[in-house]
Amino acid sequence: MGKTSKNEWLNSVLMPKVMAFVNTKAVKSIKDGMIGTMPLLITGSIFLILANLPIESAAAFMESIGISAVATKAYSATFNIGAILAAIGIAYTYAKLSNLEPLGCGFISLACFFIIQPNAVISKSGDVVGNIISQEWTAGKGMIGAILCGLVVGAVYTWFLKKDIRIKMPDGVPDGVANAFTALIPGVVIITLTTLIHGLTSMYNTTLLELVYTIIQVPLQGLTDSLPGALFCTFLISFLWFFGVHGSTIVIGIIGSVFTANYMDNQAILDTGAALTRMNGGHIVTSQFFDNFIICSGSGITIGVVIYCLFMAKSKILKTMGRLEAGPACFNINEPFLFGLPIVMNPIMAIPFILVPMTVCLTQYMAIAMGLCPMYRSVVVPWTTPPIISGFLIGGWRTALLQIVCIIESFFIYLPFVRRMDLENYKLE
């Protein structure tokens, strides 16, 4: 198969199928429904940093005056309800994408999520404490169950209303009242079925949420947390971008909830007072692994190209593009490069565009696995946070140093390829 026929097959056969999957209601509901949690997660990260300042003397002072305890409360109230927000947000978005009143769907999903989770815990003294909502299940451990809950409730709720199985109120009734009665029939059916499922699982001394965690979430977290899993996700981001498809949005949109569950599990380990290690169940691959490294300076980690263009380029086009991209690259935006240089559909740049992120993925994974850099906890910074600053915030000086190493890798791997492009442009000029 020649180069032209391969491109035609990718553009006419593979890409339409990928985009059809990405644009399904389920995938868009997960992606858009989870985005709503970001303001709380970023805010919670600020309070987590305040509660655990990296300077020992400052941390001791904050604890002595009571600020650490107050900040920990704020962190807990934002991070440990992530699964609740997912259950509401995904169902809400699913109904909204179906052009239906979404609020009732979100509330029904919330009720179902509470029904399927354990309502008792064993205290440190060995006593069973009942009638509680455990933050263990409203955070990372319940994330996949919450996603499935939101999707199923959204699909069933939508089916009822599309079939016009609802209570219709006469004209003139306020919209709020009419919408409440519209959600009544699907709500009764969905909650009743969920309760029956809970009754069935309770006969075997478990809950549906625990089964989902054991059968689906644990294997999925293990798969994505492996080096092959991390490399595959990294490759897919660059591969899709090379054809002009927003790879990071697609990959993170689909699997990002698992990465979120990974760092929430890491924080749960730290909250127990245990060391965050692989032996204690810690995860290497988290949201920060991708947001602050794999897309550092933008997908493909093109910071090396920026450095070359600013200080070594001979052609006017590369010098100009370097100046244009220098600012956006500091905030991890590189669309001007991807489409202006270009890198998209450019066979010269295809190899480093895929190779650099995979090299950085391997470097970062090994650095954390060997204990040279810490695993990531629940400190989340916006993906636009400049490199080195973001590294310091999520992992301290060692993680910031690791970002510098990755930037150096980007420069030297891109160097022979961008130099060839530069010389060709220079000859033309």
Protein backbone atom coordinates (compact mmCIF):
# COMPACT_ATOMS: atom_id res chain seq x y z
CA MET A 1 0.00 0.00 0.00
CA GLY A 2 1.57 3.29 -1.14
CA LYS A 3 1.80 6.48 0.89
CA THR A 4 -1.16 8.06 -0.96
CA SER A 5 -3.39 5.04 -0.54
CA LYS A 6 -2.47 4.83 3.16
CA ASN A 7 -3.44 8.47 3.68
CA GLU A 8 -6.66 7.93 1.78
CA TRP A 9 -7.49 4.88 3.91
CA LEU A 10 -6.75 6.79 7.12
CA ASN A 11 -8.76 9.83 6.06
CA SER A 12 -11.69 8.06 4.43
CA VAL A 13 -12.00 4.88 6.51
CA LEU A 14 -10.25 5.05 9.89
CA MET A 15 -10.73 8.70 10.86
CA PRO A 16 -14.49 8.79 10.18
CA LYS A 17 -14.93 5.72 12.40
CA VAL A 18 -12.81 7.25 15.16
CA MET A 19 -14.71 10.52 14.99
CA ALA A 20 -18.05 8.72 14.91
CA PHE A 21 -17.10 6.98 18.15
CA VAL A 22 -15.79 10.16 19.74
CA ASN A 23 -18.99 12.01 18.88
CA THR A 24 -21.30 9.38 20.37
CA LYS A 25 -23.58 10.68 23.07
CA ALA A 26 -21.92 8.46 25.70
CA VAL A 27 -18.36 9.68 25.05
CA LYS A 28 -19.41 13.34 24.82
CA SER A 29 -21.39 12.97 28.05
CA ILE A 30 -18.36 11.60 29.89
CA LYS A 31 -16.03 14.28 28.50
CA ASP A 32 -18.35 17.26 29.01
CA GLY A 33 -19.84 15.95 32.25
CA MET A 34 -16.41 15.53 33.86
CA ILE A 35 -15.18 18.96 32.75
CA GLY A 36 -17.58 20.54 35.24
CA THR A 37 -15.54 19.06 38.09
CA MET A 38 -12.37 20.97 37.15
CA PRO A 39 -13.09 24.23 39.04
CA LEU A 40 -13.57 22.29 42.29
CA LEU A 41 -10.50 20.14 41.71
CA ILE A 42 -8.27 23.13 41.01
CA THR A 43 -9.68 25.03 44.00
CA GLY A 44 -9.20 21.96 46.19
CA SER A 45 -5.58 21.72 45.01
CA ILE A 46 -4.91 25.22 46.34
CA PHE A 47 -6.16 24.25 49.79
CA LEU A 48 -4.23 20.97 49.66
CA ILE A 49 -1.02 22.90 49.03
CA LEU A 50 -1.84 25.24 51.95
CA ALA A 51 -2.42 22.25 54.20
CA ASN A 52 0.84 20.59 53.12
CA LEU A 53 3.36 23.31 52.33
CA PRO A 54 6.64 21.92 50.95
CA ILE A 55 8.67 24.04 53.41
CA GLU A 56 8.77 22.22 56.75
CA SER A 57 8.94 25.32 58.96
CA ALA A 58 6.08 26.99 57.10
CA ALA A 59 3.99 23.80 57.27
CA ALA A 60 4.57 23.55 61.02
CA PHE A 61 3.51 27.19 61.50
CA MET A 62 0.33 26.71 59.43
CA GLU A 63 -0.54 23.65 61.49
CA SER A 64 0.13 25.38 64.81
CA ILE A 65 -2.31 28.20 64.09
CA GLY A 66 -4.99 25.84 62.77
CA ILE A 67 -4.90 26.81 59.10
CA SER A 68 -3.84 23.33 57.96
CA ALA A 69 -6.91 21.71 59.52
CA VAL A 70 -9.25 24.28 57.97
CA ALA A 71 -7.57 23.96 54.55
CA THR A 72 -7.81 20.15 54.77
CA LYS A 73 -11.55 20.48 55.37
CA ALA A 74 -11.92 22.59 52.22
CA TYR A 75 -9.79 20.15 50.24
CA SER A 76 -11.88 17.21 51.44
CA ALA A 77 -15.13 18.97 50.55
CA THR A 78 -13.97 19.49 46.95
CA PHE A 79 -11.92 16.42 46.07
CA ASN A 80 -13.83 13.73 47.92
CA ILE A 81 -17.09 14.38 46.08
CA GLY A 82 -15.67 13.86 42.60
CA ALA A 83 -17.75 10.73 41.95
CA ILE A 84 -20.94 12.52 43.05
CA LEU A 85 -20.25 15.32 40.59
CA ALA A 86 -19.54 12.79 37.83
CA ALA A 87 -22.82 10.95 38.43
CA ILE A 88 -24.79 14.20 38.21
CA GLY A 89 -22.79 15.84 35.43
CA ILE A 90 -22.74 12.89 33.03
CA ALA A 91 -26.48 12.19 33.34
CA TYR A 92 -27.21 15.92 33.05
CA THR A 93 -25.10 16.23 29.92
CA TYR A 94 -26.61 13.09 28.37
CA ALA A 95 -30.13 14.51 28.72
CA LYS A 96 -29.00 17.94 27.53
CA LEU A 97 -27.44 16.44 24.40
CA SER A 98 -30.82 14.82 23.76
CA ASN A 99 -32.47 18.27 23.95
CA LEU A 100 -34.38 17.33 27.10
CA GLU A 101 -34.74 19.04 30.47
CA PRO A 102 -31.51 17.79 32.13
CA LEU A 103 -31.78 18.73 35.82
CA GLY A 104 -34.20 15.97 36.77
CA CYS A 105 -32.00 13.39 35.06
CA GLY A 106 -28.98 14.55 37.08
CA PHE A 107 -30.91 14.31 40.36
CA ILE A 108 -32.17 10.79 39.54
CA SER A 109 -28.61 9.69 38.77
CA LEU A 110 -27.44 11.09 42.11
CA ALA A 111 -30.10 9.11 43.98
CA CYS A 112 -29.18 5.92 42.12
CA PHE A 113 -25.50 6.45 42.87
CA PHE A 114 -26.25 6.65 46.58
CA ILE A 115 -28.44 3.52 46.40
CA ILE A 116 -25.76 1.31 44.84
CA GLN A 117 -22.98 2.19 47.29
CA PRO A 118 -22.24 0.80 50.77
CA ASN A 119 -23.96 2.64 53.61
CA ALA A 120 -21.80 1.24 56.40
CA VAL A 121 -18.10 1.24 57.28
CA ILE A 122 -15.97 -0.53 59.84
CA SER A 123 -14.42 1.88 62.34
CA LYS A 124 -10.87 1.64 63.66
CA SER A 125 -12.24 -0.05 66.77
CA GLY A 126 -13.89 -2.75 64.64
CA ASP A 127 -17.47 -1.52 65.06
CA VAL A 128 -19.84 -1.32 62.10
CA VAL A 129 -21.10 2.23 61.60
CA GLY A 130 -24.22 2.42 59.43
CA ASN A 131 -26.38 5.04 57.72
CA ILE A 132 -23.42 7.00 56.38
CA ILE A 133 -22.14 8.22 53.03
CA SER A 134 -18.50 7.19 52.87
CA GLN A 135 -16.10 9.61 51.21
CA GLU A 136 -14.13 6.54 50.19
CA TRP A 137 -16.84 5.83 47.60
CA THR A 138 -17.68 9.41 46.66
CA ALA A 139 -14.08 10.00 45.57
CA GLY A 140 -11.73 7.88 43.44
CA LYS A 141 -13.02 4.40 44.30
CA GLY A 142 -16.51 5.24 43.11
CA MET A 143 -15.53 7.04 39.90
CA ILE A 144 -16.16 4.29 37.33
CA GLY A 145 -19.39 3.30 39.08
CA ALA A 146 -20.52 6.94 38.98
CA ILE A 147 -19.73 7.17 35.26
CA LEU A 148 -21.71 4.02 34.49
CA CYS A 149 -24.54 5.25 36.69
CA GLY A 150 -24.69 8.57 34.85
CA LEU A 151 -24.65 6.90 31.43
CA VAL A 152 -27.30 4.28 32.23
CA VAL A 153 -29.62 6.74 33.95
CA GLY A 154 -29.16 9.23 31.11
CA ALA A 155 -29.94 6.60 28.47
CA VAL A 156 -33.02 5.21 30.25
CA TYR A 157 -34.35 8.67 31.14
CA THR A 158 -33.92 9.79 27.54
CA TRP A 159 -35.67 6.67 26.22
CA PHE A 160 -38.74 7.31 28.37
CA LEU A 161 -39.08 10.90 27.28
CA LYS A 162 -38.37 10.18 23.61
CA LYS A 163 -41.16 7.60 23.77
CA ASP A 164 -43.31 10.30 25.37
CA ILE A 165 -43.86 8.20 28.50
CA ARG A 166 -44.37 11.07 30.89
CA ILE A 167 -46.94 13.03 32.87
CA LYS A 168 -48.05 16.01 30.82
CA MET A 169 -49.21 19.11 32.59
CA PRO A 170 -51.71 21.54 31.06
CA ASP A 171 -50.59 24.81 29.48
CA GLY A 172 -50.02 27.60 31.94
CA VAL A 173 -48.33 25.42 34.57
CA PRO A 174 -44.92 26.92 35.51
CA ASP A 175 -41.98 25.28 33.75
CA GLY A 176 -40.39 24.16 37.02
CA VAL A 177 -43.51 22.26 38.06
CA ALA A 178 -44.03 20.80 34.59
CA ASN A 179 -40.42 19.59 34.41
CA ALA A 180 -40.71 17.95 37.83
CA PHE A 181 -43.74 15.92 36.73
CA THR A 182 -42.06 15.11 33.41
CA ALA A 183 -39.25 13.39 35.31
CA LEU A 184 -41.61 11.55 37.65
CA ILE A 185 -42.36 8.38 35.67
CA PRO A 186 -38.79 7.71 34.48
CA GLY A 187 -37.55 8.61 37.96
CA VAL A 188 -39.85 6.10 39.69
CA VAL A 189 -38.91 3.33 37.25
CA ILE A 190 -35.15 3.98 37.34
CA ILE A 191 -34.94 4.29 41.13
CA THR A 192 -37.14 1.21 41.62
CA LEU A 193 -34.97 -0.89 39.33
CA THR A 194 -31.82 0.40 41.05
CA THR A 195 -33.29 -0.51 44.43
CA LEU A 196 -34.10 -4.03 43.22
CA ILE A 197 -30.52 -4.43 41.99
CA HIS A 198 -29.24 -3.23 45.37
CA GLY A 199 -31.50 -5.74 47.12
CA LEU A 200 -30.14 -8.52 44.94
CA THR A 201 -26.48 -7.64 45.56
CA SER A 202 -27.07 -7.18 49.29
CA MET A 203 -28.16 -10.84 49.48
CA TYR A 204 -24.51 -11.62 48.74
CA ASN A 205 -23.18 -9.07 51.26
CA THR A 206 -21.95 -6.64 48.62
CA THR A 207 -23.15 -3.69 46.55
CA LEU A 208 -23.17 -2.90 42.86
CA LEU A 209 -20.58 -0.15 43.35
CA GLU A 210 -18.21 -2.60 45.06
CA LEU A 211 -18.67 -5.09 42.22
CA VAL A 212 -17.95 -2.42 39.59
CA TYR A 213 -14.84 -1.38 41.50
CA THR A 214 -13.54 -4.95 41.77
CA ILE A 215 -14.46 -6.24 38.32
CA ILE A 216 -13.98 -3.13 36.14
CA GLN A 217 -12.18 -0.27 37.87
CA VAL A 218 -9.26 -2.13 39.46
CA PRO A 219 -8.25 -3.93 36.23
CA LEU A 220 -8.76 -0.74 34.19
CA GLN A 221 -6.63 1.31 36.58
CA GLY A 222 -3.97 -1.38 36.47
CA LEU A 223 -3.99 -1.42 32.67
CA THR A 224 -3.72 2.35 32.27
CA ASP A 225 -1.14 2.56 35.06
CA SER A 226 1.22 0.17 33.28
CA LEU A 227 4.09 1.36 31.08
CA PRO A 228 2.59 -0.21 27.92
CA GLY A 229 -0.76 1.44 28.70
CA ALA A 230 0.87 4.84 29.23
CA LEU A 231 2.91 4.50 26.03
CA PHE A 232 -0.15 3.49 24.01
CA CYS A 233 -2.18 6.49 25.22
CA THR A 234 0.78 8.78 24.51
CA PHE A 235 1.21 7.37 21.01
CA LEU A 236 -2.49 7.73 20.27
CA ILE A 237 -2.49 11.44 21.19
CA SER A 238 0.30 12.28 18.73
CA PHE A 239 -0.96 9.86 16.07
CA LEU A 240 -4.41 11.44 15.98
CA TRP A 241 -2.97 14.96 16.06
CA PHE A 242 -0.75 14.21 13.07
CA PHE A 243 -3.93 13.85 11.01
CA GLY A 244 -5.38 17.07 12.39
CA VAL A 245 -7.63 15.39 14.97
CA HIS A 246 -7.44 16.79 18.53
CA GLY A 247 -5.76 13.73 20.05
CA SER A 248 -5.44 14.94 23.63
CA THR A 249 -9.12 15.87 23.83
CA ILE A 250 -10.17 12.47 22.49
CA VAL A 251 -7.84 10.30 24.58
CA ILE A 252 -8.15 12.24 27.83
CA GLY A 253 -11.87 12.65 27.26
CA ILE A 254 -12.35 8.89 27.05
CA ILE A 255 -9.89 7.61 29.65
CA GLY A 256 -9.29 10.74 31.76
CA SER A 257 -11.70 9.64 34.49
CA VAL A 258 -9.44 6.66 35.21
CA PHE A 259 -6.41 8.95 35.52
CA THR A 260 -8.44 11.09 37.93
CA ALA A 261 -9.30 8.01 39.99
CA ASN A 262 -5.59 7.12 40.06
CA TYR A 263 -4.45 10.35 41.71
CA MET A 264 -7.44 10.30 44.08
CA ASP A 265 -6.35 6.83 45.17
CA ASN A 266 -2.83 8.21 45.70
CA GLN A 267 -4.18 10.96 47.93
CA ALA A 268 -6.29 8.44 49.87
CA ILE A 269 -3.10 6.49 50.63
CA LEU A 270 -1.39 9.64 51.90
CA ASP A 271 -4.45 10.53 53.99
CA THR A 272 -4.08 7.26 55.89
CA GLY A 273 -0.53 8.24 56.86
CA ALA A 274 1.06 5.54 54.68
CA ALA A 275 3.90 6.15 52.25
CA LEU A 276 2.87 6.66 48.64
CA THR A 277 4.63 3.74 46.98
CA ARG A 278 3.80 1.05 44.44
CA MET A 279 3.77 -1.53 47.22
CA ASN A 280 1.06 0.44 49.02
CA GLY A 281 -1.04 0.66 45.87
CA GLY A 282 0.19 3.98 44.49
CA HIS A 283 -0.32 4.85 40.81
CA ILE A 284 2.27 6.37 38.50
CA VAL A 285 0.02 7.34 35.58
CA THR A 286 -2.41 10.07 36.59
CA SER A 287 -3.92 13.20 35.08
CA GLN A 288 -0.77 15.15 35.98
CA PHE A 289 1.33 12.55 34.14
CA PHE A 290 -0.31 13.68 30.89
CA ASP A 291 -1.41 17.26 31.54
CA ASN A 292 1.96 18.48 32.81
CA PHE A 293 4.35 16.28 30.83
CA ILE A 294 2.91 14.55 27.76
CA ILE A 295 1.31 17.78 26.53
CA CYS A 296 3.97 20.06 28.00
CA SER A 297 4.13 23.09 25.64
CA GLY A 298 1.36 21.37 23.65
CA SER A 299 0.78 17.96 22.08
CA GLY A 300 4.02 16.52 20.71
CA ILE A 301 6.01 18.51 23.32
CA THR A 302 7.16 20.92 20.60
CA ILE A 303 9.11 23.16 22.99
CA GLY A 304 12.30 21.81 21.39
CA VAL A 305 11.19 23.19 18.03
CA VAL A 306 10.45 26.57 19.63
CA ILE A 307 13.93 26.75 21.12
CA TYR A 308 15.51 25.93 17.76
CA CYS A 309 13.40 28.48 15.91
CA LEU A 310 14.21 31.23 18.41
CA PHE A 311 17.98 30.73 18.62
CA MET A 312 19.22 28.62 15.69
CA ALA A 313 16.88 29.00 12.71
CA LYS A 314 18.19 30.43 9.42
CA SER A 315 14.97 30.65 7.43
CA LYS A 316 12.63 33.59 7.91
CA ILE A 317 9.57 31.36 8.18
CA LEU A 318 10.95 29.38 11.14
CA LYS A 319 12.26 32.52 12.85
CA THR A 320 8.83 34.13 12.51
CA MET A 321 6.99 31.01 13.68
CA GLY A 322 9.33 30.74 16.66
CA ARG A 323 8.50 34.27 17.79
CA LEU A 324 4.77 33.66 17.28
CA GLU A 325 4.79 30.38 19.20
CA ALA A 326 7.10 31.38 22.08
CA GLY A 327 4.30 32.94 24.14
CA PRO A 328 1.63 30.27 23.59
CA ALA A 329 4.16 27.47 24.21
CA CYS A 330 4.72 28.79 27.75
CA PHE A 331 1.06 28.05 28.38
CA ASN A 332 1.07 24.66 26.62
CA ILE A 333 -0.66 25.84 23.46
CA ASN A 334 0.93 24.93 20.14
CA GLU A 335 -1.80 25.03 17.50
CA PRO A 336 0.10 27.84 15.69
CA PHE A 337 2.98 25.40 15.20
CA LEU A 338 0.85 22.36 14.40
CA PHE A 339 -0.99 24.08 11.57
CA GLY A 340 1.35 26.98 10.73
CA LEU A 341 4.78 25.35 10.54
CA PRO A 342 3.17 22.86 9.80
CA ILE A 343 3.55 19.63 11.75
CA VAL A 344 0.13 18.19 10.92
CA MET A 345 0.46 15.93 7.85
CA ASN A 346 4.18 16.79 7.58
CA PRO A 347 6.13 13.54 6.98
CA ILE A 348 9.44 15.12 8.06
CA MET A 349 8.09 15.94 11.52
CA ALA A 350 5.96 12.81 12.01
CA ILE A 351 8.75 10.77 13.61
CA PRO A 352 9.83 13.26 16.33
CA PHE A 353 6.23 14.36 16.90
CA ILE A 354 5.45 10.79 18.01
CA LEU A 355 8.89 9.87 19.39
CA VAL A 356 9.36 12.84 21.75
CA PRO A 357 6.19 12.28 23.84
CA MET A 358 6.88 8.54 24.04
CA THR A 359 10.45 9.22 25.19
CA VAL A 360 9.19 11.67 27.79
CA CYS A 361 6.56 9.13 28.85
CA LEU A 362 9.25 6.50 29.38
CA THR A 363 11.56 8.94 31.20
CA GLN A 364 8.82 10.16 33.51
CA TYR A 365 7.52 6.65 34.23
CA MET A 366 10.99 5.31 35.09
CA ALA A 367 11.86 8.35 37.21
CA ILE A 368 8.74 7.82 39.34
CA ALA A 369 9.05 4.02 39.42
CA MET A 370 12.66 4.28 40.61
CA GLY A 371 11.73 6.79 43.31
CA LEU A 372 13.68 9.65 41.77
CA CYS A 373 10.48 11.71 41.62
CA PRO A 374 7.36 11.41 43.80
CA MET A 375 4.05 9.99 42.66
CA TYR A 376 1.34 12.56 42.09
CA ARG A 377 -1.22 13.32 44.75
CA SER A 378 -4.40 15.39 44.44
CA VAL A 379 -2.68 18.63 43.51
CA VAL A 380 -4.11 19.61 40.15
CA VAL A 381 -3.05 22.72 38.28
CA PRO A 382 -4.65 24.08 35.10
CA TRP A 383 -3.13 22.50 31.99
CA THR A 384 -2.10 26.00 30.88
CA THR A 385 0.27 26.39 33.85
CA PRO A 386 3.81 26.99 32.46
CA PRO A 387 6.30 24.10 32.63
CA ILE A 388 8.67 24.00 35.60
CA ILE A 389 6.14 26.02 37.64
CA SER A 390 3.58 23.26 37.18
CA GLY A 391 6.21 20.64 38.01
CA PHE A 392 7.10 22.37 41.26
CA LEU A 393 3.45 22.67 42.27
CA ILE A 394 2.48 19.06 41.59
CA GLY A 395 5.62 17.36 42.86
CA GLY A 396 8.26 19.74 44.20
CA TRP A 397 11.70 20.59 42.90
CA ARG A 398 12.45 17.08 41.67
CA THR A 399 9.42 17.06 39.38
CA ALA A 400 10.33 20.54 38.13
CA LEU A 401 13.83 19.25 37.35
CA LEU A 402 12.29 16.29 35.52
CA GLN A 403 10.36 18.72 33.32
CA ILE A 404 13.64 20.45 32.45
CA VAL A 405 15.11 17.06 31.47
CA CYS A 406 12.09 16.40 29.27
CA ILE A 407 12.45 19.80 27.58
CA ILE A 408 16.09 18.97 26.81
CA GLU A 409 14.99 15.63 25.36
CA SER A 410 12.49 17.44 23.18
CA PHE A 411 15.17 19.78 21.81
CA PHE A 412 17.71 17.10 20.87
CA ILE A 413 15.20 14.66 19.35
CA TYR A 414 13.57 17.37 17.23
CA LEU A 415 16.92 18.96 16.29
CA PRO A 416 17.91 16.95 13.15
CA PHE A 417 14.36 17.01 11.79
CA VAL A 418 13.62 20.69 12.31
CA ARG A 419 17.11 21.57 11.04
CA ARG A 420 16.37 19.74 7.79
CA MET A 421 13.09 21.62 7.45
CA ASP A 422 14.87 24.89 8.22
CA LEU A 423 17.57 24.33 5.56
CA GLU A 424 15.00 23.43 2.92
CA ASN A 425 13.06 26.61 3.65
CA TYR A 426 16.28 28.63 3.69
CA LYS A 427 17.24 27.34 0.20
CA LEU A 428 13.80 28.26 -1.12
CA GLU A 429 14.09 31.75 0.33
